[in-house]
Amino acid sequence: MTGQTGAHATRRATTVAQLSHIGLQLFIENGFDETTVDEIAAAAGIGRRTFFRYFASKNDLPWGDFDELVERMRADLAAVPDSEPLYATLTRAVLDFNTYPASELQYHRERMQLLMTVPSLVAHSTLRYESWREVIAEFAARRLGEPVGSLRPRMIGWVYLAASLGAYEQWLHDPGSELLEVLRSALDILSERLTA
């Protein structure tokens, strides 16, 4: 059926990305803690209950489709032939994970600024980063022939996260920098240390 107007048409057109953009704009303008779910829903033309079909909480909104991207990275790593070097593969996977269309980069910069500076979001990030680290550790464990919970795969997950967060801090600090270039530099430094 076409030609529908009002809330139903808006709701049908809403995506995770659109709702995330609306929420991010409100967070930037009014502050994260000061912005309510009701205000985001109203700006998006949807009801409060519909908002929670997209995001479990306000804290989840800045993450956009992070869970989907994590699962895609897991699937991509599972498909890599065993002949490809471990650290080169992880470097490529992290770069792919953080590759965004040019039209999304400003939103992504705003998103990461919030995630790395708003105290309640920094605390919430621990859960999200854990799922990302697990994907890295699982792949490393498989390649190394070690249990996922053993020290070396765990450390590999942590150091790739640390390198990525360090790169993001640098990117946010230097607005003229290119995200992938900064990430590649950080991961190159990491690979040199790991393979030395």
N, C-alpha and C. Protein backbone atom coordinates (compact mmCIF):
# COMPACT_ATOMS: atom_id res chain seq x y z
N MET A 1 0.84 -1.19 0.00
CA MET A 1 0.00 0.00 0.00
C MET A 1 0.88 1.25 0.00
N THR A 2 0.60 2.19 -0.82
CA THR A 2 1.40 3.41 -0.91
C THR A 2 0.56 4.61 -0.52
N GLY A 3 1.26 5.76 -0.41
CA GLY A 3 0.56 7.00 -0.12
C GLY A 3 0.21 7.18 1.35
N GLN A 4 0.72 6.28 2.20
CA GLN A 4 0.40 6.39 3.63
C GLN A 4 1.12 7.59 4.23
N THR A 5 0.46 8.27 5.14
CA THR A 5 1.04 9.45 5.76
C THR A 5 1.00 9.30 7.27
N GLY A 6 1.64 10.24 7.96
CA GLY A 6 1.59 10.26 9.41
C GLY A 6 2.59 9.31 10.03
N ALA A 7 2.31 8.93 11.28
CA ALA A 7 3.25 8.15 12.08
C ALA A 7 3.56 6.81 11.45
N HIS A 8 2.55 6.16 10.83
CA HIS A 8 2.80 4.83 10.27
C HIS A 8 3.82 4.88 9.14
N ALA A 9 3.72 5.90 8.29
CA ALA A 9 4.68 6.01 7.20
C ALA A 9 6.08 6.26 7.74
N THR A 10 6.18 7.14 8.75
CA THR A 10 7.49 7.43 9.33
C THR A 10 8.08 6.19 9.97
N ARG A 11 7.24 5.46 10.73
CA ARG A 11 7.72 4.28 11.42
C ARG A 11 8.25 3.25 10.42
N ARG A 12 7.51 3.08 9.32
CA ARG A 12 7.92 2.07 8.34
C ARG A 12 9.24 2.44 7.68
N ALA A 13 9.51 3.75 7.55
CA ALA A 13 10.73 4.20 6.89
C ALA A 13 11.93 4.23 7.84
N THR A 14 11.68 4.13 9.14
CA THR A 14 12.76 4.25 10.12
C THR A 14 13.66 3.03 10.08
N THR A 15 14.97 3.27 10.15
CA THR A 15 15.96 2.20 10.24
C THR A 15 16.81 2.46 11.47
N VAL A 16 17.61 1.45 11.83
CA VAL A 16 18.54 1.63 12.95
C VAL A 16 19.45 2.83 12.69
N ALA A 17 19.94 2.93 11.45
CA ALA A 17 20.85 4.04 11.12
C ALA A 17 20.16 5.39 11.25
N GLN A 18 18.93 5.50 10.73
CA GLN A 18 18.21 6.78 10.81
C GLN A 18 17.94 7.17 12.25
N LEU A 19 17.48 6.21 13.04
CA LEU A 19 17.18 6.49 14.44
C LEU A 19 18.44 6.84 15.21
N SER A 20 19.53 6.16 14.88
CA SER A 20 20.82 6.46 15.51
C SER A 20 21.26 7.88 15.17
N HIS A 21 21.10 8.29 13.92
CA HIS A 21 21.48 9.65 13.51
C HIS A 21 20.66 10.69 14.26
N ILE A 22 19.37 10.45 14.38
CA ILE A 22 18.50 11.40 15.08
C ILE A 22 18.93 11.51 16.54
N GLY A 23 19.15 10.36 17.18
CA GLY A 23 19.56 10.37 18.57
C GLY A 23 20.90 11.05 18.77
N LEU A 24 21.86 10.76 17.91
CA LEU A 24 23.18 11.38 18.01
C LEU A 24 23.07 12.90 17.91
N GLN A 25 22.24 13.38 16.98
CA GLN A 25 22.08 14.82 16.82
C GLN A 25 21.53 15.46 18.10
N LEU A 26 20.56 14.80 18.69
CA LEU A 26 19.99 15.31 19.94
C LEU A 26 21.00 15.27 21.08
N PHE A 27 21.80 14.22 21.12
CA PHE A 27 22.83 14.12 22.16
C PHE A 27 23.85 15.25 22.02
N ILE A 28 24.25 15.53 20.78
CA ILE A 28 25.23 16.59 20.54
C ILE A 28 24.64 17.95 20.93
N GLU A 29 23.39 18.18 20.55
CA GLU A 29 22.76 19.48 20.81
C GLU A 29 22.41 19.70 22.28
N ASN A 30 21.90 18.65 22.93
CA ASN A 30 21.33 18.82 24.28
C ASN A 30 22.10 18.11 25.39
N GLY A 31 23.04 17.23 25.02
CA GLY A 31 23.75 16.43 26.01
C GLY A 31 23.14 15.04 26.10
N PHE A 32 23.96 14.05 26.33
CA PHE A 32 23.47 12.68 26.38
C PHE A 32 22.53 12.47 27.56
N ASP A 33 22.97 12.84 28.75
CA ASP A 33 22.17 12.61 29.95
C ASP A 33 20.88 13.41 29.94
N GLU A 34 20.90 14.56 29.28
CA GLU A 34 19.72 15.44 29.28
C GLU A 34 18.66 15.01 28.25
N THR A 35 19.04 14.18 27.29
CA THR A 35 18.11 13.76 26.23
C THR A 35 17.37 12.50 26.67
N THR A 36 16.07 12.49 26.53
CA THR A 36 15.26 11.34 26.95
C THR A 36 14.89 10.47 25.74
N VAL A 37 14.53 9.24 26.04
CA VAL A 37 14.04 8.33 25.00
C VAL A 37 12.79 8.92 24.34
N ASP A 38 11.91 9.51 25.14
CA ASP A 38 10.69 10.10 24.59
C ASP A 38 11.01 11.21 23.58
N GLU A 39 12.04 12.00 23.86
CA GLU A 39 12.42 13.07 22.93
C GLU A 39 12.98 12.49 21.63
N ILE A 40 13.76 11.44 21.74
CA ILE A 40 14.30 10.80 20.53
C ILE A 40 13.17 10.21 19.71
N ALA A 41 12.26 9.50 20.38
CA ALA A 41 11.13 8.88 19.68
C ALA A 41 10.28 9.94 18.99
N ALA A 42 10.01 11.04 19.68
CA ALA A 42 9.20 12.11 19.10
C ALA A 42 9.88 12.71 17.87
N ALA A 43 11.20 12.93 17.96
CA ALA A 43 11.94 13.50 16.83
C ALA A 43 11.95 12.54 15.63
N ALA A 44 11.88 11.25 15.92
CA ALA A 44 11.89 10.24 14.85
C ALA A 44 10.49 9.94 14.32
N GLY A 45 9.49 10.48 15.01
CA GLY A 45 8.12 10.23 14.57
C GLY A 45 7.63 8.84 14.92
N ILE A 46 8.15 8.26 15.98
CA ILE A 46 7.74 6.92 16.41
C ILE A 46 7.34 6.97 17.88
N GLY A 47 6.75 5.91 18.35
CA GLY A 47 6.38 5.81 19.76
C GLY A 47 7.53 5.26 20.59
N ARG A 48 7.40 5.43 21.90
CA ARG A 48 8.42 4.93 22.83
C ARG A 48 8.62 3.41 22.70
N ARG A 49 7.49 2.68 22.58
CA ARG A 49 7.60 1.21 22.45
C ARG A 49 8.34 0.82 21.18
N THR A 50 8.13 1.57 20.12
CA THR A 50 8.83 1.27 18.86
C THR A 50 10.32 1.52 19.02
N PHE A 51 10.69 2.57 19.74
CA PHE A 51 12.12 2.83 20.00
C PHE A 51 12.78 1.59 20.58
N PHE A 52 12.11 0.97 21.54
CA PHE A 52 12.72 -0.18 22.22
C PHE A 52 12.72 -1.44 21.37
N ARG A 53 12.08 -1.42 20.23
CA ARG A 53 12.24 -2.52 19.27
C ARG A 53 13.58 -2.41 18.55
N TYR A 54 14.09 -1.20 18.47
CA TYR A 54 15.38 -0.96 17.82
C TYR A 54 16.55 -1.04 18.80
N PHE A 55 16.36 -0.49 19.99
CA PHE A 55 17.45 -0.41 20.97
C PHE A 55 16.92 -0.81 22.35
N ALA A 56 17.72 -1.60 23.07
CA ALA A 56 17.30 -2.05 24.40
C ALA A 56 17.29 -0.90 25.40
N SER A 57 18.11 0.11 25.16
CA SER A 57 18.18 1.24 26.08
C SER A 57 18.75 2.44 25.33
N LYS A 58 18.68 3.60 25.97
CA LYS A 58 19.27 4.81 25.38
C LYS A 58 20.78 4.62 25.20
N ASN A 59 21.40 3.92 26.15
CA ASN A 59 22.86 3.69 26.07
C ASN A 59 23.25 2.89 24.84
N ASP A 60 22.33 2.10 24.30
CA ASP A 60 22.65 1.27 23.14
C ASP A 60 22.57 2.04 21.83
N LEU A 61 21.86 3.16 21.82
CA LEU A 61 21.65 3.89 20.57
C LEU A 61 22.95 4.34 19.89
N PRO A 62 23.91 4.92 20.62
CA PRO A 62 25.13 5.36 19.93
C PRO A 62 25.90 4.23 19.25
N TRP A 63 25.63 2.98 19.64
CA TRP A 63 26.35 1.85 19.05
C TRP A 63 25.81 1.44 17.70
N GLY A 64 24.65 1.95 17.32
CA GLY A 64 24.10 1.64 16.01
C GLY A 64 23.97 0.14 15.80
N ASP A 65 24.51 -0.36 14.68
CA ASP A 65 24.42 -1.78 14.36
C ASP A 65 25.70 -2.54 14.74
N PHE A 66 26.31 -2.17 15.85
CA PHE A 66 27.56 -2.75 16.30
C PHE A 66 27.48 -4.28 16.40
N ASP A 67 26.40 -4.81 16.97
CA ASP A 67 26.29 -6.26 17.14
C ASP A 67 26.32 -6.98 15.80
N GLU A 68 25.64 -6.41 14.82
CA GLU A 68 25.63 -7.00 13.48
C GLU A 68 27.04 -6.98 12.87
N LEU A 69 27.76 -5.89 13.08
CA LEU A 69 29.13 -5.78 12.56
C LEU A 69 30.06 -6.79 13.23
N VAL A 70 29.87 -7.01 14.53
CA VAL A 70 30.69 -7.99 15.25
C VAL A 70 30.45 -9.38 14.67
N GLU A 71 29.19 -9.72 14.42
CA GLU A 71 28.88 -11.05 13.86
C GLU A 71 29.42 -11.19 12.44
N ARG A 72 29.41 -10.10 11.69
CA ARG A 72 29.97 -10.14 10.34
C ARG A 72 31.48 -10.36 10.40
N MET A 73 32.15 -9.71 11.37
CA MET A 73 33.58 -9.92 11.52
C MET A 73 33.88 -11.37 11.90
N ARG A 74 33.06 -11.94 12.79
CA ARG A 74 33.24 -13.34 13.18
C ARG A 74 33.14 -14.26 11.95
N ALA A 75 32.11 -14.01 11.12
CA ALA A 75 31.91 -14.84 9.93
C ALA A 75 33.05 -14.66 8.94
N ASP A 76 33.52 -13.42 8.76
CA ASP A 76 34.62 -13.17 7.83
C ASP A 76 35.90 -13.87 8.29
N LEU A 77 36.18 -13.81 9.58
CA LEU A 77 37.39 -14.47 10.10
C LEU A 77 37.28 -16.00 9.98
N ALA A 78 36.09 -16.53 10.17
CA ALA A 78 35.90 -17.98 10.05
C ALA A 78 36.17 -18.47 8.63
N ALA A 79 36.00 -17.58 7.65
CA ALA A 79 36.18 -17.96 6.25
C ALA A 79 37.61 -17.79 5.76
N VAL A 80 38.51 -17.25 6.59
CA VAL A 80 39.89 -16.99 6.17
C VAL A 80 40.66 -18.31 6.12
N PRO A 81 41.37 -18.58 5.02
CA PRO A 81 42.17 -19.82 4.95
C PRO A 81 43.28 -19.83 6.01
N ASP A 82 43.61 -21.01 6.50
CA ASP A 82 44.64 -21.14 7.53
C ASP A 82 46.01 -20.68 7.05
N SER A 83 46.18 -20.59 5.73
CA SER A 83 47.48 -20.19 5.19
C SER A 83 47.76 -18.69 5.38
N GLU A 84 46.72 -17.90 5.64
CA GLU A 84 46.93 -16.46 5.82
C GLU A 84 47.49 -16.18 7.21
N PRO A 85 48.52 -15.33 7.31
CA PRO A 85 49.16 -15.06 8.60
C PRO A 85 48.18 -14.48 9.62
N LEU A 86 48.33 -14.90 10.86
CA LEU A 86 47.42 -14.51 11.94
C LEU A 86 47.31 -13.00 12.09
N TYR A 87 48.45 -12.33 12.29
CA TYR A 87 48.39 -10.90 12.61
C TYR A 87 47.99 -10.05 11.42
N ALA A 88 48.40 -10.45 10.22
CA ALA A 88 47.97 -9.71 9.02
C ALA A 88 46.46 -9.85 8.84
N THR A 89 45.93 -11.02 9.14
CA THR A 89 44.49 -11.25 9.01
C THR A 89 43.72 -10.40 10.02
N LEU A 90 44.22 -10.36 11.26
CA LEU A 90 43.54 -9.55 12.28
C LEU A 90 43.60 -8.07 11.94
N THR A 91 44.72 -7.62 11.43
CA THR A 91 44.84 -6.21 11.03
C THR A 91 43.81 -5.88 9.96
N ARG A 92 43.70 -6.73 8.96
CA ARG A 92 42.73 -6.49 7.89
C ARG A 92 41.29 -6.52 8.44
N ALA A 93 41.01 -7.46 9.36
CA ALA A 93 39.66 -7.57 9.92
C ALA A 93 39.29 -6.31 10.71
N VAL A 94 40.23 -5.79 11.48
CA VAL A 94 39.96 -4.58 12.26
C VAL A 94 39.75 -3.37 11.34
N LEU A 95 40.55 -3.27 10.29
CA LEU A 95 40.37 -2.18 9.34
C LEU A 95 39.03 -2.29 8.63
N ASP A 96 38.66 -3.51 8.22
CA ASP A 96 37.36 -3.70 7.57
C ASP A 96 36.22 -3.33 8.51
N PHE A 97 36.35 -3.72 9.76
CA PHE A 97 35.31 -3.44 10.76
C PHE A 97 35.09 -1.94 10.91
N ASN A 98 36.16 -1.18 10.77
CA ASN A 98 36.10 0.27 11.00
C ASN A 98 36.06 1.09 9.71
N THR A 99 35.69 0.46 8.61
CA THR A 99 35.56 1.16 7.34
C THR A 99 34.12 1.66 7.18
N TYR A 100 33.96 2.97 7.03
CA TYR A 100 32.64 3.58 6.91
C TYR A 100 32.57 4.41 5.64
N PRO A 101 31.38 4.50 5.04
CA PRO A 101 31.22 5.40 3.90
C PRO A 101 31.53 6.84 4.32
N ALA A 102 31.98 7.63 3.39
CA ALA A 102 32.31 9.03 3.70
C ALA A 102 31.12 9.76 4.32
N SER A 103 29.91 9.42 3.90
CA SER A 103 28.71 10.09 4.41
C SER A 103 28.45 9.77 5.88
N GLU A 104 29.07 8.70 6.39
CA GLU A 104 28.85 8.28 7.78
C GLU A 104 29.94 8.76 8.74
N LEU A 105 31.04 9.24 8.21
CA LEU A 105 32.20 9.53 9.07
C LEU A 105 31.93 10.61 10.12
N GLN A 106 31.18 11.64 9.77
CA GLN A 106 30.89 12.67 10.76
C GLN A 106 30.02 12.11 11.88
N TYR A 107 29.02 11.32 11.50
CA TYR A 107 28.19 10.66 12.52
C TYR A 107 29.06 9.76 13.40
N HIS A 108 29.98 9.05 12.75
CA HIS A 108 30.83 8.12 13.50
C HIS A 108 31.76 8.87 14.46
N ARG A 109 32.27 10.00 14.01
CA ARG A 109 33.12 10.82 14.89
C ARG A 109 32.32 11.28 16.11
N GLU A 110 31.09 11.75 15.88
CA GLU A 110 30.24 12.18 16.99
C GLU A 110 29.92 11.02 17.91
N ARG A 111 29.65 9.86 17.33
CA ARG A 111 29.36 8.65 18.10
C ARG A 111 30.53 8.29 19.01
N MET A 112 31.72 8.26 18.44
CA MET A 112 32.89 7.85 19.22
C MET A 112 33.26 8.90 20.26
N GLN A 113 33.01 10.17 19.96
CA GLN A 113 33.26 11.23 20.95
C GLN A 113 32.38 10.99 22.18
N LEU A 114 31.13 10.64 21.95
CA LEU A 114 30.23 10.34 23.06
C LEU A 114 30.67 9.09 23.81
N LEU A 115 30.95 8.02 23.05
CA LEU A 115 31.27 6.73 23.68
C LEU A 115 32.54 6.79 24.51
N MET A 116 33.44 7.70 24.15
CA MET A 116 34.72 7.75 24.84
C MET A 116 34.80 8.85 25.90
N THR A 117 33.73 9.65 26.04
CA THR A 117 33.81 10.76 27.00
C THR A 117 32.64 10.81 28.00
N VAL A 118 31.48 10.31 27.63
CA VAL A 118 30.33 10.36 28.54
C VAL A 118 30.45 9.21 29.55
N PRO A 119 30.56 9.51 30.84
CA PRO A 119 30.83 8.47 31.83
C PRO A 119 29.90 7.26 31.78
N SER A 120 28.60 7.48 31.64
CA SER A 120 27.68 6.34 31.61
C SER A 120 27.88 5.48 30.37
N LEU A 121 28.29 6.10 29.26
CA LEU A 121 28.55 5.34 28.04
C LEU A 121 29.90 4.63 28.11
N VAL A 122 30.88 5.26 28.75
CA VAL A 122 32.18 4.60 28.92
C VAL A 122 31.99 3.31 29.72
N ALA A 123 31.17 3.36 30.76
CA ALA A 123 30.91 2.16 31.57
C ALA A 123 30.17 1.11 30.74
N HIS A 124 29.19 1.53 29.97
CA HIS A 124 28.41 0.61 29.14
C HIS A 124 29.28 -0.03 28.05
N SER A 125 30.31 0.69 27.63
CA SER A 125 31.18 0.20 26.56
C SER A 125 31.88 -1.11 26.92
N THR A 126 32.09 -1.34 28.20
CA THR A 126 32.78 -2.55 28.63
C THR A 126 32.11 -3.79 28.07
N LEU A 127 30.78 -3.84 28.11
CA LEU A 127 30.05 -4.99 27.60
C LEU A 127 30.20 -5.13 26.09
N ARG A 128 30.14 -4.02 25.39
CA ARG A 128 30.25 -4.06 23.93
C ARG A 128 31.65 -4.48 23.50
N TYR A 129 32.66 -3.91 24.15
CA TYR A 129 34.03 -4.26 23.78
C TYR A 129 34.33 -5.72 24.08
N GLU A 130 33.68 -6.27 25.09
CA GLU A 130 33.91 -7.68 25.42
C GLU A 130 33.52 -8.59 24.26
N SER A 131 32.40 -8.31 23.61
CA SER A 131 31.97 -9.15 22.49
C SER A 131 32.93 -9.01 21.31
N TRP A 132 33.47 -7.81 21.10
CA TRP A 132 34.44 -7.58 20.03
C TRP A 132 35.73 -8.34 20.31
N ARG A 133 36.21 -8.24 21.56
CA ARG A 133 37.44 -8.94 21.95
C ARG A 133 37.29 -10.44 21.81
N GLU A 134 36.11 -10.95 22.13
CA GLU A 134 35.88 -12.38 22.04
C GLU A 134 36.07 -12.90 20.62
N VAL A 135 35.62 -12.14 19.65
CA VAL A 135 35.77 -12.55 18.25
C VAL A 135 37.25 -12.64 17.90
N ILE A 136 38.03 -11.66 18.31
CA ILE A 136 39.47 -11.68 18.05
C ILE A 136 40.13 -12.86 18.77
N ALA A 137 39.78 -13.05 20.04
CA ALA A 137 40.38 -14.13 20.83
C ALA A 137 40.00 -15.51 20.28
N GLU A 138 38.76 -15.67 19.84
CA GLU A 138 38.33 -16.95 19.26
C GLU A 138 39.15 -17.30 18.03
N PHE A 139 39.33 -16.31 17.16
CA PHE A 139 40.11 -16.55 15.95
C PHE A 139 41.56 -16.87 16.29
N ALA A 140 42.15 -16.08 17.20
CA ALA A 140 43.54 -16.32 17.59
C ALA A 140 43.71 -17.69 18.22
N ALA A 141 42.77 -18.09 19.08
CA ALA A 141 42.85 -19.40 19.73
C ALA A 141 42.80 -20.52 18.70
N ARG A 142 41.91 -20.39 17.74
CA ARG A 142 41.79 -21.40 16.69
C ARG A 142 43.09 -21.52 15.90
N ARG A 143 43.67 -20.39 15.56
CA ARG A 143 44.92 -20.39 14.79
C ARG A 143 46.09 -20.93 15.60
N LEU A 144 46.11 -20.62 16.88
CA LEU A 144 47.23 -21.03 17.74
C LEU A 144 47.05 -22.43 18.31
N GLY A 145 45.86 -23.00 18.12
CA GLY A 145 45.59 -24.32 18.67
C GLY A 145 45.51 -24.32 20.18
N GLU A 146 44.99 -23.22 20.74
CA GLU A 146 44.90 -23.08 22.19
C GLU A 146 43.45 -22.85 22.59
N PRO A 147 43.09 -23.14 23.85
CA PRO A 147 41.72 -22.84 24.31
C PRO A 147 41.45 -21.33 24.25
N VAL A 148 40.21 -20.97 23.96
CA VAL A 148 39.85 -19.55 23.85
C VAL A 148 40.17 -18.79 25.14
N GLY A 149 39.97 -19.44 26.27
CA GLY A 149 40.19 -18.77 27.53
C GLY A 149 41.63 -18.74 28.00
N SER A 150 42.55 -19.23 27.20
CA SER A 150 43.95 -19.23 27.62
C SER A 150 44.57 -17.85 27.44
N LEU A 151 45.73 -17.67 28.04
CA LEU A 151 46.31 -16.33 28.15
C LEU A 151 46.60 -15.67 26.82
N ARG A 152 47.27 -16.38 25.91
CA ARG A 152 47.70 -15.73 24.68
C ARG A 152 46.53 -15.20 23.83
N PRO A 153 45.49 -16.02 23.55
CA PRO A 153 44.36 -15.46 22.80
C PRO A 153 43.67 -14.30 23.51
N ARG A 154 43.55 -14.39 24.84
CA ARG A 154 42.96 -13.29 25.60
C ARG A 154 43.77 -12.01 25.42
N MET A 155 45.08 -12.13 25.54
CA MET A 155 45.94 -10.95 25.40
C MET A 155 45.87 -10.37 24.00
N ILE A 156 45.79 -11.23 23.00
CA ILE A 156 45.67 -10.73 21.62
C ILE A 156 44.39 -9.92 21.47
N GLY A 157 43.28 -10.41 22.04
CA GLY A 157 42.04 -9.65 21.99
C GLY A 157 42.17 -8.29 22.65
N TRP A 158 42.81 -8.27 23.82
CA TRP A 158 42.97 -7.01 24.55
C TRP A 158 43.89 -6.04 23.82
N VAL A 159 45.00 -6.54 23.26
CA VAL A 159 45.95 -5.60 22.64
C VAL A 159 45.38 -5.02 21.34
N TYR A 160 44.59 -5.80 20.61
CA TYR A 160 43.96 -5.24 19.41
C TYR A 160 42.91 -4.21 19.78
N LEU A 161 42.20 -4.44 20.88
CA LEU A 161 41.25 -3.43 21.35
C LEU A 161 41.99 -2.18 21.79
N ALA A 162 43.08 -2.34 22.53
CA ALA A 162 43.85 -1.19 23.00
C ALA A 162 44.39 -0.37 21.83
N ALA A 163 44.92 -1.06 20.82
CA ALA A 163 45.45 -0.35 19.65
C ALA A 163 44.34 0.41 18.94
N SER A 164 43.16 -0.21 18.84
CA SER A 164 42.04 0.44 18.16
C SER A 164 41.56 1.67 18.93
N LEU A 165 41.44 1.55 20.25
CA LEU A 165 40.99 2.68 21.06
C LEU A 165 42.02 3.81 21.06
N GLY A 166 43.30 3.44 21.10
CA GLY A 166 44.34 4.46 21.01
C GLY A 166 44.27 5.22 19.69
N ALA A 167 43.99 4.48 18.61
CA ALA A 167 43.85 5.11 17.30
C ALA A 167 42.63 6.03 17.27
N TYR A 168 41.55 5.60 17.88
CA TYR A 168 40.35 6.45 17.91
C TYR A 168 40.59 7.72 18.71
N GLU A 169 41.29 7.61 19.82
CA GLU A 169 41.61 8.81 20.60
C GLU A 169 42.41 9.80 19.75
N GLN A 170 43.37 9.28 18.99
CA GLN A 170 44.18 10.14 18.13
C GLN A 170 43.34 10.78 17.04
N TRP A 171 42.47 9.99 16.44
CA TRP A 171 41.59 10.49 15.38
C TRP A 171 40.68 11.60 15.89
N LEU A 172 40.12 11.40 17.08
CA LEU A 172 39.25 12.43 17.66
C LEU A 172 40.03 13.69 18.04
N HIS A 173 41.27 13.49 18.46
CA HIS A 173 42.13 14.62 18.85
C HIS A 173 42.55 15.45 17.65
N ASP A 174 42.69 14.79 16.49
CA ASP A 174 43.16 15.47 15.27
C ASP A 174 42.08 15.41 14.20
N PRO A 175 41.19 16.41 14.14
CA PRO A 175 40.07 16.38 13.20
C PRO A 175 40.48 16.27 11.73
N GLY A 176 41.71 16.63 11.41
CA GLY A 176 42.16 16.55 10.02
C GLY A 176 42.67 15.18 9.62
N SER A 177 42.75 14.26 10.57
CA SER A 177 43.30 12.93 10.27
C SER A 177 42.26 12.02 9.64
N GLU A 178 42.76 10.99 8.98
CA GLU A 178 41.89 9.98 8.36
C GLU A 178 41.84 8.77 9.28
N LEU A 179 40.63 8.31 9.59
CA LEU A 179 40.47 7.22 10.55
C LEU A 179 41.27 5.98 10.16
N LEU A 180 41.12 5.52 8.94
CA LEU A 180 41.79 4.28 8.54
C LEU A 180 43.30 4.42 8.53
N GLU A 181 43.81 5.60 8.19
CA GLU A 181 45.26 5.81 8.22
C GLU A 181 45.79 5.73 9.64
N VAL A 182 45.08 6.34 10.58
CA VAL A 182 45.51 6.30 11.98
C VAL A 182 45.42 4.88 12.51
N LEU A 183 44.34 4.19 12.19
CA LEU A 183 44.19 2.79 12.63
C LEU A 183 45.28 1.91 12.05
N ARG A 184 45.55 2.09 10.75
CA ARG A 184 46.58 1.27 10.11
C ARG A 184 47.94 1.50 10.76
N SER A 185 48.26 2.74 11.09
CA SER A 185 49.53 3.03 11.76
C SER A 185 49.60 2.34 13.11
N ALA A 186 48.51 2.41 13.88
CA ALA A 186 48.49 1.76 15.20
C ALA A 186 48.64 0.26 15.07
N LEU A 187 47.95 -0.33 14.11
CA LEU A 187 48.00 -1.78 13.93
C LEU A 187 49.34 -2.23 13.38
N ASP A 188 49.97 -1.41 12.56
CA ASP A 188 51.31 -1.73 12.07
C ASP A 188 52.31 -1.76 13.22
N ILE A 189 52.21 -0.77 14.11
CA ILE A 189 53.09 -0.75 15.30
C ILE A 189 52.86 -2.01 16.12
N LEU A 190 51.59 -2.38 16.30
CA LEU A 190 51.26 -3.57 17.08
C LEU A 190 51.81 -4.83 16.42
N SER A 191 51.63 -4.95 15.12
CA SER A 191 52.11 -6.16 14.41
C SER A 191 53.63 -6.27 14.49
N GLU A 192 54.32 -5.13 14.40
CA GLU A 192 55.78 -5.16 14.52
C GLU A 192 56.19 -5.71 15.88
N ARG A 193 55.51 -5.29 16.94
CA ARG A 193 55.85 -5.75 18.28
C ARG A 193 55.53 -7.23 18.46
N LEU A 194 54.39 -7.65 17.91
CA LEU A 194 53.95 -9.04 18.10
C LEU A 194 54.81 -10.03 17.32
N THR A 195 55.33 -9.59 16.18
CA THR A 195 56.10 -10.51 15.33
C THR A 195 57.60 -10.34 15.49
N ALA A 196 58.03 -9.40 16.32
CA ALA A 196 59.47 -9.15 16.50
C ALA A 196 60.14 -10.35 17.19
